């Protein structure tokens, strides 16, 4: 028997499966991106590029791991790595070649620039000429380059998000996704600014600003560079519940906007949860770094099983299916009271009577 259809069309782009390598080390050059396509990934968001790579200077070490006390498994991963330090012109050449070699794979360019309209116009015009399928605007990297007002320094301010997305949409001929930071109180505020400015999709979440820990031998924070550290971006399994909440909030607020969800995805079951809360595609970064690009086969098999178990034919049938089941605490209390009353009076009430009982309980809770 033929299995469920894992392909999905998002903003006019057909992904052969919804699994996309997220921007970061897994998409650091054409060679590794080609490897991922050969293995079966549906798409790749390249490591973030900018016009002047000479300003990007990394340190070593730049990673720190949080391990489970019980199993020693890596459950959290912090990095202070910056965007790509490879020359912009080299990237342009590689992007052209990748689209020539893999015309049916979705190649998404992650771009970041300073707070200047002319810089955003230049990078968009030059990159889209390579034939890439879409842009992902990095408005959310939590570490590095804040002095240049880049990354999270933009994404935490809805007015700047609106301005930058507007600049990009003035010249972009391809879909534009805005990648959101989780380091805000209300995720719908910057996402809403991006949507109103014309963003075709929202990607979330980027990493969470964090300090993994302190070395109790040296008493220096991690990762330690010449005895010092800076807060970095936290990812891995531990962030998944936070990522799911952000996806859910944005999906409920903007039901007609495509979402690419990420944060702690390592299995097809993890991915299914993101789809259920509104993600059309899902992105994997840390999971691929820790387990290898080869996990794509397992991801597809696991997701197909979820669809088969629930008698669903395609990934699109899963998207947003769990969103109607979020409500308010007052409604939960009212539903529980109504359910207890139902059990005590027997299962003979019709649907309208049931709704009336819940409404009465909710009104009582909110007015008292």
Protein backbone atom coordinates (compact mmCIF):
# COMPACT_ATOMS: atom_id res chain seq x y z
CA UNK A 1 0.00 0.00 0.00
CA UNK A 2 1.11 3.51 -0.74
CA UNK A 3 1.70 5.52 2.42
CA UNK A 4 0.41 9.00 3.24
CA UNK A 5 1.56 11.96 1.16
CA UNK A 6 4.33 13.84 2.97
CA UNK A 7 4.58 16.63 0.42
CA UNK A 8 3.16 20.06 1.18
CA UNK A 9 2.78 23.31 -0.76
CA UNK A 10 3.65 26.46 1.17
CA UNK A 11 3.58 29.96 -0.37
CA UNK A 12 3.60 28.35 -3.81
CA UNK A 13 6.66 26.20 -3.01
CA UNK A 14 6.26 22.43 -3.15
CA UNK A 15 8.26 20.63 -0.47
CA UNK A 16 8.56 16.90 -1.16
CA UNK A 17 8.41 16.49 2.62
CA UNK A 18 8.04 19.10 5.36
CA UNK A 19 11.49 18.53 6.87
CA UNK A 20 13.84 21.46 6.34
CA UNK A 21 17.34 21.91 7.70
CA UNK A 22 17.29 25.08 9.79
CA UNK A 23 19.76 27.90 9.36
CA UNK A 24 22.99 27.10 11.17
CA UNK A 25 25.95 24.73 10.95
CA UNK A 26 23.99 22.06 8.99
CA UNK A 27 23.71 24.47 6.05
CA UNK A 28 27.14 26.03 6.24
CA UNK A 29 28.19 25.48 2.60
CA UNK A 30 27.06 23.97 -0.71
CA UNK A 31 28.75 20.62 -0.10
CA UNK A 32 26.82 19.80 3.08
CA UNK A 33 23.57 21.21 1.68
CA UNK A 34 23.94 18.94 -1.35
CA UNK A 35 24.52 16.01 0.99
CA UNK A 36 21.29 16.78 2.83
CA UNK A 37 19.35 16.95 -0.44
CA UNK A 38 20.80 13.63 -1.56
CA UNK A 39 19.67 12.05 1.73
CA UNK A 40 16.10 13.25 1.24
CA UNK A 41 15.57 16.50 3.16
CA UNK A 42 12.74 18.51 1.66
CA UNK A 43 14.59 21.80 1.90
CA UNK A 44 17.34 23.78 3.54
CA UNK A 45 17.60 27.24 5.03
CA UNK A 46 21.23 28.18 4.53
CA UNK A 47 23.41 29.56 7.31
CA UNK A 48 22.66 33.27 7.57
CA UNK A 49 24.64 35.43 5.18
CA UNK A 50 25.37 39.16 5.04
CA UNK A 51 27.03 41.46 2.52
CA UNK A 52 30.33 41.86 4.40
CA UNK A 53 31.56 38.61 5.93
CA UNK A 54 34.84 40.23 7.04
CA UNK A 55 33.00 41.73 10.01
CA UNK A 56 32.04 38.24 11.26
CA UNK A 57 34.69 36.86 13.62
CA UNK A 58 33.98 33.70 15.61
CA UNK A 59 35.64 32.51 18.80
CA UNK A 60 36.54 29.07 20.11
CA UNK A 61 35.08 27.32 21.96
CA UNK A 62 31.60 28.46 21.05
CA UNK A 63 29.37 25.57 22.16
CA UNK A 64 28.22 24.29 25.55
CA UNK A 65 26.03 21.26 26.31
CA UNK A 66 23.50 20.57 29.04
CA UNK A 67 23.34 16.85 29.83
CA UNK A 68 20.71 14.80 31.60
CA UNK A 69 21.81 13.81 35.11
CA UNK A 70 20.20 10.40 34.62
CA UNK A 71 21.40 9.38 31.15
CA UNK A 72 24.15 11.88 30.28
CA UNK A 73 22.23 12.54 27.05
CA UNK A 74 22.49 16.06 25.60
CA UNK A 75 19.14 17.73 26.28
CA UNK A 76 20.19 21.34 25.79
CA UNK A 77 22.75 23.00 23.55
CA UNK A 78 24.08 26.55 23.71
CA UNK A 79 26.06 28.31 21.00
CA UNK A 80 27.68 31.70 20.56
CA UNK A 81 28.44 31.12 16.89
CA UNK A 82 27.83 34.04 14.57
CA UNK A 83 26.39 34.11 11.07
CA UNK A 84 28.42 32.86 8.10
CA UNK A 85 31.97 34.16 7.83
CA UNK A 86 32.32 32.92 4.24
CA UNK A 87 32.55 35.57 1.47
CA UNK A 88 29.23 36.74 0.07
CA UNK A 89 30.30 36.25 -3.55
CA UNK A 90 31.23 32.62 -2.80
CA UNK A 91 27.74 32.07 -1.43
CA UNK A 92 26.16 33.56 -4.56
CA UNK A 93 28.10 31.16 -6.74
CA UNK A 94 27.17 28.17 -4.58
CA UNK A 95 23.49 29.06 -4.46
CA UNK A 96 23.32 29.24 -8.25
CA UNK A 97 24.97 25.84 -8.55
CA UNK A 98 22.71 24.25 -5.92
CA UNK A 99 19.56 25.39 -7.73
CA UNK A 100 20.99 24.08 -11.01
CA UNK A 101 21.79 20.69 -9.47
CA UNK A 102 18.64 20.39 -7.30
CA UNK A 103 15.87 22.35 -9.04
CA UNK A 104 13.08 20.60 -7.14
CA UNK A 105 14.55 21.02 -3.67
CA UNK A 106 13.52 24.12 -1.72
CA UNK A 107 16.53 26.35 -1.09
CA UNK A 108 15.84 29.21 1.29
CA UNK A 109 18.35 32.00 1.86
CA UNK A 110 18.66 33.27 5.42
CA UNK A 111 19.79 36.89 5.27
CA UNK A 112 20.73 39.49 7.85
CA UNK A 113 21.82 43.06 7.42
CA UNK A 114 22.36 46.28 9.29
CA UNK A 115 19.53 48.72 9.95
CA UNK A 116 19.74 50.35 6.53
CA UNK A 117 17.19 50.19 3.71
CA UNK A 118 19.87 50.24 1.01
CA UNK A 119 21.72 47.28 2.56
CA UNK A 120 18.56 45.15 2.71
CA UNK A 121 17.68 46.09 -0.86
CA UNK A 122 21.14 45.14 -2.08
CA UNK A 123 21.27 41.75 -0.39
CA UNK A 124 17.76 40.83 -1.54
CA UNK A 125 18.39 41.82 -5.15
CA UNK A 126 21.71 40.03 -5.40
CA UNK A 127 20.61 36.82 -3.66
CA UNK A 128 17.29 36.38 -5.46
CA UNK A 129 19.14 36.54 -8.79
CA UNK A 130 20.71 33.15 -7.90
CA UNK A 131 17.33 31.44 -8.18
CA UNK A 132 16.71 30.65 -4.50
CA UNK A 133 13.11 29.81 -3.69
CA UNK A 134 12.51 32.10 -0.70
CA UNK A 135 14.07 34.33 1.91
CA UNK A 136 14.14 33.87 5.66
CA UNK A 137 14.93 37.15 7.41
CA UNK A 138 17.09 36.57 10.48
CA UNK A 139 15.56 39.11 12.84
CA UNK A 140 16.19 36.95 15.85
CA UNK A 141 19.75 35.72 16.49
CA UNK A 142 20.13 36.39 20.24
CA UNK A 143 23.89 36.87 20.40
CA UNK A 144 26.56 38.68 18.45
CA UNK A 145 26.37 41.88 16.40
CA UNK A 146 23.85 43.79 18.61
CA UNK A 147 26.13 46.82 18.28
CA UNK A 148 25.23 46.75 14.57
CA UNK A 149 21.52 46.53 15.49
CA UNK A 150 21.24 43.13 13.84
CA UNK A 151 19.38 39.93 14.74
CA UNK A 152 17.36 40.02 17.97
CA UNK A 153 18.11 43.73 18.34
CA UNK A 154 15.73 44.14 15.40
CA UNK A 155 13.30 41.34 16.11
CA UNK A 156 12.37 42.36 19.65
CA UNK A 157 11.05 45.72 18.40
CA UNK A 158 7.83 45.37 16.36
CA UNK A 159 8.29 48.79 14.75
CA UNK A 160 11.72 47.80 13.41
CA UNK A 161 10.40 44.39 12.31
CA UNK A 162 7.68 46.14 10.32
CA UNK A 163 10.15 48.53 8.74
CA UNK A 164 12.70 45.88 7.72
CA UNK A 165 10.10 43.45 6.35
CA UNK A 166 8.63 46.35 4.39
CA UNK A 167 12.04 47.16 2.90
CA UNK A 168 12.49 43.55 1.80
CA UNK A 169 9.01 43.28 0.31
CA UNK A 170 9.68 46.38 -1.79
CA UNK A 171 12.17 44.44 -3.90
CA UNK A 172 11.66 40.72 -3.25
CA UNK A 173 10.11 38.68 -6.05
CA UNK A 174 9.98 35.49 -3.99
CA UNK A 175 8.28 34.52 -0.70
CA UNK A 176 9.59 36.13 2.48
CA UNK A 177 9.57 34.43 5.88
CA UNK A 178 10.43 36.41 9.01
CA UNK A 179 12.24 34.42 11.70
CA UNK A 180 11.08 35.40 15.17
CA UNK A 181 12.89 35.58 18.49
CA UNK A 182 11.46 33.79 21.54
CA UNK A 183 13.07 36.36 23.81
CA UNK A 184 9.92 38.48 24.07
CA UNK A 185 6.89 38.38 26.34
CA UNK A 186 4.23 38.30 23.61
CA UNK A 187 5.31 36.38 20.48
CA UNK A 188 2.35 37.70 18.51
CA UNK A 189 3.55 41.32 18.71
CA UNK A 190 6.66 41.07 16.47
CA UNK A 191 5.04 38.34 14.36
CA UNK A 192 2.02 40.56 13.81
CA UNK A 193 4.26 43.43 12.76
CA UNK A 194 5.91 41.17 10.18
CA UNK A 195 2.56 39.95 8.85
CA UNK A 196 1.14 43.44 8.52
CA UNK A 197 4.28 44.51 6.66
CA UNK A 198 3.67 41.75 4.11
CA UNK A 199 5.65 38.72 5.31
CA UNK A 200 4.42 35.57 3.56
CA UNK A 201 5.39 33.32 6.45
CA UNK A 202 6.70 33.24 9.99
CA UNK A 203 9.55 31.02 11.20
CA UNK A 204 9.84 30.34 14.92
CA UNK A 205 11.57 29.94 17.20
CA UNK A 206 15.16 31.03 17.04
CA UNK A 207 17.35 30.13 20.01
CA UNK A 208 16.68 31.30 23.57
CA UNK A 209 19.18 33.66 25.19
CA UNK A 210 20.81 31.62 27.93
CA UNK A 211 23.74 30.71 30.14
CA UNK A 212 24.26 26.95 30.16
CA UNK A 213 26.16 26.89 33.43
CA UNK A 214 29.35 27.60 35.36
CA UNK A 215 32.42 25.37 35.55
CA UNK A 216 32.76 24.67 39.28
CA UNK A 217 36.48 23.93 38.93
CA UNK A 218 37.40 27.26 37.35
CA UNK A 219 34.29 29.23 38.46
CA UNK A 220 34.02 30.59 34.90
CA UNK A 221 30.77 30.62 32.89
CA UNK A 222 30.40 28.33 29.87
CA UNK A 223 31.39 28.32 27.07
CA UNK A 224 34.62 29.88 28.35
CA UNK A 225 36.75 31.92 25.94
CA UNK A 226 40.01 33.10 27.50
CA UNK A 227 38.28 32.98 30.88
CA UNK A 228 35.20 34.93 29.83
CA UNK A 229 31.78 34.25 28.28
CA UNK A 230 28.65 35.88 26.86
CA UNK A 231 25.07 34.60 26.97
CA UNK A 232 24.31 32.47 23.93
CA UNK A 233 21.49 30.81 22.03
CA UNK A 234 19.89 27.76 23.66
CA UNK A 235 18.42 24.92 21.57
CA UNK A 236 17.77 21.18 21.71
CA UNK A 237 15.09 19.01 23.29
CA UNK A 238 14.75 21.24 26.33
CA UNK A 239 13.33 24.16 24.33
CA UNK A 240 10.60 22.18 22.55
CA UNK A 241 7.75 23.03 24.99
CA UNK A 242 8.58 26.73 24.67
CA UNK A 243 8.74 26.49 20.88
CA UNK A 244 5.39 24.70 20.74
CA UNK A 245 3.77 27.45 22.79
CA UNK A 246 5.14 30.17 20.48
CA UNK A 247 3.95 28.32 17.37
CA UNK A 248 0.51 27.83 18.91
CA UNK A 249 0.16 31.51 19.87
CA UNK A 250 1.16 32.78 16.43
CA UNK A 251 -0.93 30.19 14.58
CA UNK A 252 -4.05 31.14 16.54
CA UNK A 253 -3.43 34.85 16.05
CA UNK A 254 -2.70 34.65 12.30
CA UNK A 255 -4.48 31.59 10.88
CA UNK A 256 -3.90 32.55 7.24
CA UNK A 257 -0.11 32.89 7.47
CA UNK A 258 2.23 29.97 6.86
CA UNK A 259 4.42 28.87 9.74
CA UNK A 260 7.73 27.05 9.74
CA UNK A 261 8.20 25.68 13.25
CA UNK A 262 11.36 24.62 14.99
CA UNK A 263 12.89 24.05 18.41
CA UNK A 264 13.97 20.68 19.76
CA UNK A 265 12.69 18.51 16.91
CA UNK A 266 14.55 15.19 16.80
CA UNK A 267 11.82 12.70 15.85
CA UNK A 268 8.83 12.47 13.54
CA UNK A 269 6.61 12.49 16.64
CA UNK A 270 8.15 15.81 17.67
CA UNK A 271 7.46 17.17 14.20
CA UNK A 272 3.85 15.98 14.30
CA UNK A 273 3.24 18.07 17.42
CA UNK A 274 4.46 21.18 15.62
CA UNK A 275 2.17 20.42 12.67
CA UNK A 276 -0.77 19.90 15.01
CA UNK A 277 -0.19 23.34 16.52
CA UNK A 278 -0.04 25.10 13.16
CA UNK A 279 3.33 24.50 11.47
CA UNK A 280 3.26 23.80 7.76
CA UNK A 281 6.94 22.92 7.58
CA UNK A 282 9.32 22.00 10.39
CA UNK A 283 12.99 22.85 10.71
CA UNK A 284 15.75 20.83 12.35
CA UNK A 285 19.18 22.12 13.35
CA UNK A 286 20.53 20.82 16.68
CA UNK A 287 18.94 17.41 16.12
CA UNK A 288 20.81 17.06 12.82
CA UNK A 289 24.04 18.23 14.45
CA UNK A 290 23.78 15.70 17.27
CA UNK A 291 22.34 12.75 15.32
CA UNK A 292 23.49 13.36 11.76
CA UNK A 293 21.75 14.29 8.51
CA UNK A 294 20.75 10.63 8.13
CA UNK A 295 17.89 11.05 10.63
CA UNK A 296 15.75 12.27 7.71
CA UNK A 297 14.67 8.70 6.93
CA UNK A 298 13.52 8.11 10.49
CA UNK A 299 11.75 11.49 10.59
CA UNK A 300 9.71 10.65 7.50
CA UNK A 301 8.86 7.14 8.70
CA UNK A 302 7.71 8.36 12.11
CA UNK A 303 5.60 11.18 10.69
CA UNK A 304 3.99 8.84 8.16
CA UNK A 305 3.07 6.50 11.01
CA UNK A 306 1.31 9.31 12.88
CA UNK A 307 -0.70 10.12 9.76
CA UNK A 308 -1.55 6.44 9.17
CA UNK A 309 -2.56 5.88 12.79
CA UNK A 310 -5.07 8.73 12.52
CA UNK A 311 -6.23 7.79 9.01
CA UNK A 312 -4.96 11.05 7.51
CA UNK A 313 -3.83 11.13 3.89
CA UNK A 314 -1.47 14.10 3.84
CA UNK A 315 0.60 16.36 6.07
CA UNK A 316 -1.73 19.28 5.41
CA UNK A 317 -4.51 17.32 7.16
CA UNK A 318 -2.48 17.45 10.37
CA UNK A 319 -1.77 21.19 10.35
CA UNK A 320 -3.58 23.02 13.14
CA UNK A 321 -5.71 20.05 14.13
CA UNK A 322 -5.07 20.56 17.86
CA UNK A 323 -5.50 24.34 17.94
CA UNK A 324 -9.26 24.33 18.70
CA UNK A 325 -8.55 22.62 21.99
CA UNK A 326 -6.82 25.60 23.59
CA UNK A 327 -9.06 27.78 25.72
CA UNK A 328 -9.06 29.82 28.94
CA UNK A 329 -8.66 28.60 32.49
CA UNK A 330 -12.16 29.79 33.32
CA UNK A 331 -13.49 27.69 30.45
CA UNK A 332 -11.59 24.64 31.70
CA UNK A 333 -13.19 25.02 35.13
CA UNK A 334 -16.63 25.44 33.57
CA UNK A 335 -16.17 22.39 31.36
CA UNK A 336 -15.07 20.28 34.30
CA UNK A 337 -18.06 21.34 36.38
CA UNK A 338 -20.42 20.64 33.48
CA UNK A 339 -18.80 17.24 32.92
CA UNK A 340 -19.21 16.29 36.60
CA UNK A 341 -22.86 17.32 36.44
CA UNK A 342 -23.30 15.30 33.26
CA UNK A 343 -21.88 12.20 34.91
CA UNK A 344 -24.18 12.60 37.88
CA UNK A 345 -27.34 13.16 35.79
CA UNK A 346 -26.66 10.62 33.08
CA UNK A 347 -25.57 10.89 29.43
CA UNK A 348 -28.88 12.16 28.04
CA UNK A 349 -28.29 15.87 27.54
CA UNK A 350 -28.19 17.05 23.95
CA UNK A 351 -25.39 19.22 22.55
CA UNK A 352 -27.25 22.49 23.03
CA UNK A 353 -27.95 21.72 26.67
CA UNK A 354 -24.28 20.83 27.16
CA UNK A 355 -23.17 24.13 25.61
CA UNK A 356 -25.65 25.98 27.78
CA UNK A 357 -24.28 24.37 30.92
CA UNK A 358 -20.73 25.38 30.02
CA UNK A 359 -21.80 28.93 29.18
CA UNK A 360 -23.65 29.24 32.49
CA UNK A 361 -20.64 28.06 34.45
CA UNK A 362 -18.29 30.36 32.54
CA UNK A 363 -20.53 33.37 33.12
CA UNK A 364 -20.68 32.54 36.83
CA UNK A 365 -16.88 32.36 37.05
CA UNK A 366 -16.22 35.57 35.16
CA UNK A 367 -18.81 37.69 36.98
CA UNK A 368 -18.10 36.55 40.53
